[in-house]
Amino acid sequence: MKATPAETSVSLEWSAVTGATEYEISYGQEKTTRKQASAVIQALTADTDYTFKVVAKADGYEDSPAAEVATRTLAPEPETHDA
């Protein structure tokens, strides 16, 4: 599983599971589902650690976590002031 962090979002990519009809992505107390083996999770807090877990689902069957990755969102860019 690959995580590419930005300031307030993380792009996730993982290997597709044969027969999976959707993937459940969980992080902290949040959960979301996707049909494809990738997602962009938005509205995250900058400069914060997150662990993302993905579970493949198919017709009521739930696999053990297919993938897991820990990452940290980027710190905000410092403001620059032109003199």
N, C-alpha and C. Protein backbone atom coordinates (compact mmCIF):
# COMPACT_ATOMS: atom_id res chain seq x y z
N MET A 1 0.86 -1.18 0.00
CA MET A 1 0.00 0.00 0.00
C MET A 1 0.90 1.23 0.00
N LYS A 2 0.51 2.21 -0.78
CA LYS A 2 1.30 3.44 -0.91
C LYS A 2 0.47 4.63 -0.44
N ALA A 3 1.09 5.49 0.35
CA ALA A 3 0.44 6.73 0.80
C ALA A 3 1.28 7.91 0.35
N THR A 4 0.62 8.89 -0.26
CA THR A 4 1.30 10.12 -0.68
C THR A 4 0.61 11.28 0.03
N PRO A 5 1.26 11.82 1.08
CA PRO A 5 0.62 12.88 1.86
C PRO A 5 0.75 14.26 1.22
N ALA A 6 -0.24 15.08 1.47
CA ALA A 6 -0.21 16.50 1.16
C ALA A 6 -0.51 17.21 2.49
N GLU A 7 -0.79 18.49 2.46
CA GLU A 7 -1.02 19.22 3.70
C GLU A 7 -2.29 18.77 4.42
N THR A 8 -3.39 18.64 3.68
CA THR A 8 -4.67 18.27 4.33
C THR A 8 -5.34 17.08 3.65
N SER A 9 -4.55 16.29 2.91
CA SER A 9 -5.10 15.10 2.26
C SER A 9 -4.01 14.05 2.11
N VAL A 10 -4.44 12.81 1.86
CA VAL A 10 -3.51 11.72 1.58
C VAL A 10 -4.08 10.91 0.42
N SER A 11 -3.24 10.67 -0.59
CA SER A 11 -3.62 9.79 -1.70
C SER A 11 -3.16 8.38 -1.35
N LEU A 12 -4.08 7.41 -1.48
CA LEU A 12 -3.79 6.02 -1.16
C LEU A 12 -3.93 5.16 -2.40
N GLU A 13 -3.04 4.19 -2.54
CA GLU A 13 -3.12 3.19 -3.61
C GLU A 13 -2.75 1.84 -3.00
N TRP A 14 -3.47 0.79 -3.40
CA TRP A 14 -3.18 -0.55 -2.91
C TRP A 14 -3.47 -1.55 -4.01
N SER A 15 -3.01 -2.78 -3.80
CA SER A 15 -3.23 -3.85 -4.78
C SER A 15 -4.68 -4.30 -4.73
N ALA A 16 -5.29 -4.41 -5.89
CA ALA A 16 -6.67 -4.87 -5.97
C ALA A 16 -6.76 -6.33 -5.51
N VAL A 17 -7.89 -6.68 -4.90
CA VAL A 17 -8.15 -8.04 -4.46
C VAL A 17 -9.15 -8.66 -5.44
N THR A 18 -8.80 -9.79 -6.02
CA THR A 18 -9.68 -10.46 -6.98
C THR A 18 -11.02 -10.77 -6.33
N GLY A 19 -12.10 -10.37 -6.99
CA GLY A 19 -13.44 -10.64 -6.49
C GLY A 19 -14.00 -9.58 -5.55
N ALA A 20 -13.18 -8.63 -5.14
CA ALA A 20 -13.66 -7.58 -4.23
C ALA A 20 -14.62 -6.66 -4.97
N THR A 21 -15.73 -6.32 -4.31
CA THR A 21 -16.70 -5.40 -4.91
C THR A 21 -16.53 -3.99 -4.35
N GLU A 22 -15.90 -3.88 -3.19
CA GLU A 22 -15.59 -2.57 -2.62
C GLU A 22 -14.51 -2.72 -1.56
N TYR A 23 -13.94 -1.58 -1.19
CA TYR A 23 -12.90 -1.54 -0.17
C TYR A 23 -13.32 -0.57 0.92
N GLU A 24 -13.19 -0.98 2.17
CA GLU A 24 -13.49 -0.09 3.30
C GLU A 24 -12.17 0.46 3.82
N ILE A 25 -12.09 1.77 3.88
CA ILE A 25 -10.89 2.45 4.36
C ILE A 25 -11.23 3.05 5.72
N SER A 26 -10.41 2.73 6.72
CA SER A 26 -10.65 3.29 8.05
C SER A 26 -9.39 4.01 8.52
N TYR A 27 -9.62 5.10 9.26
CA TYR A 27 -8.53 5.88 9.85
C TYR A 27 -9.12 6.60 11.04
N GLY A 28 -8.52 6.41 12.22
CA GLY A 28 -9.09 6.98 13.44
C GLY A 28 -10.50 6.46 13.63
N GLN A 29 -11.46 7.35 13.84
CA GLN A 29 -12.86 6.98 14.00
C GLN A 29 -13.64 7.04 12.69
N GLU A 30 -12.96 7.35 11.60
CA GLU A 30 -13.61 7.55 10.30
C GLU A 30 -13.56 6.29 9.44
N LYS A 31 -14.59 6.11 8.59
CA LYS A 31 -14.62 5.02 7.61
C LYS A 31 -15.24 5.55 6.33
N THR A 32 -14.75 5.03 5.20
CA THR A 32 -15.31 5.36 3.90
C THR A 32 -15.12 4.15 3.00
N THR A 33 -15.87 4.07 1.92
CA THR A 33 -15.73 2.95 1.00
C THR A 33 -15.44 3.46 -0.41
N ARG A 34 -14.74 2.62 -1.18
CA ARG A 34 -14.42 2.91 -2.57
C ARG A 34 -14.60 1.64 -3.37
N LYS A 35 -14.91 1.78 -4.64
CA LYS A 35 -15.04 0.64 -5.56
C LYS A 35 -13.70 0.26 -6.18
N GLN A 36 -12.77 1.22 -6.27
CA GLN A 36 -11.48 0.99 -6.90
C GLN A 36 -10.37 0.90 -5.84
N ALA A 37 -9.19 0.48 -6.26
CA ALA A 37 -8.07 0.27 -5.34
C ALA A 37 -7.23 1.54 -5.18
N SER A 38 -7.92 2.65 -4.96
CA SER A 38 -7.25 3.92 -4.69
C SER A 38 -8.26 4.89 -4.09
N ALA A 39 -7.74 5.89 -3.40
CA ALA A 39 -8.62 6.90 -2.80
C ALA A 39 -7.80 8.13 -2.44
N VAL A 40 -8.47 9.27 -2.41
CA VAL A 40 -7.88 10.49 -1.87
C VAL A 40 -8.73 10.86 -0.66
N ILE A 41 -8.11 10.84 0.51
CA ILE A 41 -8.80 11.18 1.75
C ILE A 41 -8.51 12.64 2.03
N GLN A 42 -9.57 13.45 2.12
CA GLN A 42 -9.42 14.89 2.28
C GLN A 42 -9.91 15.36 3.65
N ALA A 43 -9.76 16.64 3.89
CA ALA A 43 -10.19 17.30 5.12
C ALA A 43 -9.45 16.75 6.34
N LEU A 44 -8.17 16.45 6.16
CA LEU A 44 -7.33 15.98 7.26
C LEU A 44 -6.63 17.18 7.90
N THR A 45 -6.08 16.97 9.07
CA THR A 45 -5.35 18.03 9.78
C THR A 45 -3.89 18.00 9.35
N ALA A 46 -3.35 19.16 9.03
CA ALA A 46 -1.95 19.25 8.61
C ALA A 46 -1.01 18.83 9.74
N ASP A 47 0.14 18.29 9.36
CA ASP A 47 1.21 17.92 10.29
C ASP A 47 0.72 16.96 11.38
N THR A 48 -0.03 15.93 10.94
CA THR A 48 -0.64 14.97 11.86
C THR A 48 -0.40 13.55 11.37
N ASP A 49 -0.15 12.62 12.31
CA ASP A 49 0.04 11.21 11.98
C ASP A 49 -1.31 10.53 11.76
N TYR A 50 -1.38 9.70 10.72
CA TYR A 50 -2.59 8.91 10.42
C TYR A 50 -2.17 7.49 10.06
N THR A 51 -2.99 6.52 10.45
CA THR A 51 -2.82 5.14 10.01
C THR A 51 -4.08 4.77 9.24
N PHE A 52 -3.90 4.32 8.01
CA PHE A 52 -5.01 3.93 7.14
C PHE A 52 -5.03 2.42 7.00
N LYS A 53 -6.20 1.82 7.13
CA LYS A 53 -6.38 0.38 6.95
C LYS A 53 -7.42 0.17 5.86
N VAL A 54 -7.16 -0.79 4.99
CA VAL A 54 -8.08 -1.10 3.91
C VAL A 54 -8.52 -2.56 4.04
N VAL A 55 -9.83 -2.79 3.96
CA VAL A 55 -10.39 -4.13 4.01
C VAL A 55 -11.18 -4.35 2.72
N ALA A 56 -10.91 -5.46 2.04
CA ALA A 56 -11.64 -5.81 0.83
C ALA A 56 -12.95 -6.50 1.21
N LYS A 57 -14.04 -6.15 0.50
CA LYS A 57 -15.34 -6.75 0.77
C LYS A 57 -15.93 -7.28 -0.54
N ALA A 58 -16.66 -8.41 -0.43
CA ALA A 58 -17.31 -8.99 -1.60
C ALA A 58 -18.52 -9.77 -1.16
N ASP A 59 -19.71 -9.33 -1.58
CA ASP A 59 -20.95 -10.06 -1.31
C ASP A 59 -21.09 -10.49 0.16
N GLY A 60 -20.90 -9.54 1.07
CA GLY A 60 -21.06 -9.82 2.49
C GLY A 60 -19.84 -10.43 3.14
N TYR A 61 -18.85 -10.80 2.36
CA TYR A 61 -17.62 -11.38 2.89
C TYR A 61 -16.63 -10.25 3.14
N GLU A 62 -15.97 -10.28 4.29
CA GLU A 62 -15.00 -9.26 4.64
C GLU A 62 -13.65 -9.92 4.88
N ASP A 63 -12.64 -9.47 4.17
CA ASP A 63 -11.30 -10.01 4.31
C ASP A 63 -10.63 -9.33 5.51
N SER A 64 -9.58 -9.95 6.02
CA SER A 64 -8.78 -9.28 7.04
C SER A 64 -8.15 -8.06 6.38
N PRO A 65 -7.63 -7.10 7.16
CA PRO A 65 -7.09 -5.91 6.51
C PRO A 65 -6.15 -6.27 5.36
N ALA A 66 -6.53 -5.84 4.17
CA ALA A 66 -5.75 -6.13 2.97
C ALA A 66 -4.47 -5.33 2.96
N ALA A 67 -4.51 -4.16 3.56
CA ALA A 67 -3.35 -3.29 3.55
C ALA A 67 -3.44 -2.29 4.69
N GLU A 68 -2.28 -1.84 5.15
CA GLU A 68 -2.22 -0.84 6.22
C GLU A 68 -0.98 0.01 6.00
N VAL A 69 -1.11 1.30 6.23
CA VAL A 69 0.03 2.20 6.08
C VAL A 69 -0.11 3.36 7.06
N ALA A 70 1.01 3.79 7.59
CA ALA A 70 1.05 4.97 8.46
C ALA A 70 1.78 6.09 7.72
N THR A 71 1.28 7.30 7.87
CA THR A 71 1.90 8.46 7.23
C THR A 71 1.61 9.70 8.05
N ARG A 72 2.23 10.79 7.68
CA ARG A 72 2.00 12.07 8.35
C ARG A 72 1.69 13.11 7.28
N THR A 73 0.62 13.87 7.48
CA THR A 73 0.32 14.95 6.55
C THR A 73 1.42 16.01 6.66
N LEU A 74 1.58 16.77 5.59
CA LEU A 74 2.64 17.76 5.54
C LEU A 74 2.32 18.97 6.42
N ALA A 75 3.38 19.60 6.91
CA ALA A 75 3.22 20.83 7.69
C ALA A 75 2.83 21.96 6.73
N PRO A 76 2.07 22.93 7.23
CA PRO A 76 1.70 24.06 6.37
C PRO A 76 2.95 24.82 5.89
N GLU A 77 2.85 25.33 4.69
CA GLU A 77 3.93 26.16 4.16
C GLU A 77 3.98 27.46 4.96
N PRO A 78 5.18 27.89 5.35
CA PRO A 78 5.25 29.17 6.07
C PRO A 78 4.86 30.32 5.13
N GLU A 79 4.19 31.29 5.69
CA GLU A 79 3.80 32.46 4.90
C GLU A 79 5.03 33.29 4.60
N THR A 80 5.09 33.80 3.40
CA THR A 80 6.19 34.69 3.05
C THR A 80 5.65 36.09 2.86
N HIS A 81 6.41 37.04 3.30
CA HIS A 81 6.02 38.44 3.19
C HIS A 81 7.07 39.16 2.36
N ASP A 82 6.62 39.73 1.26
CA ASP A 82 7.54 40.50 0.43
C ASP A 82 7.72 41.88 1.03
N ALA A 83 8.98 42.32 1.05
CA ALA A 83 9.27 43.64 1.62
C ALA A 83 9.13 44.72 0.59
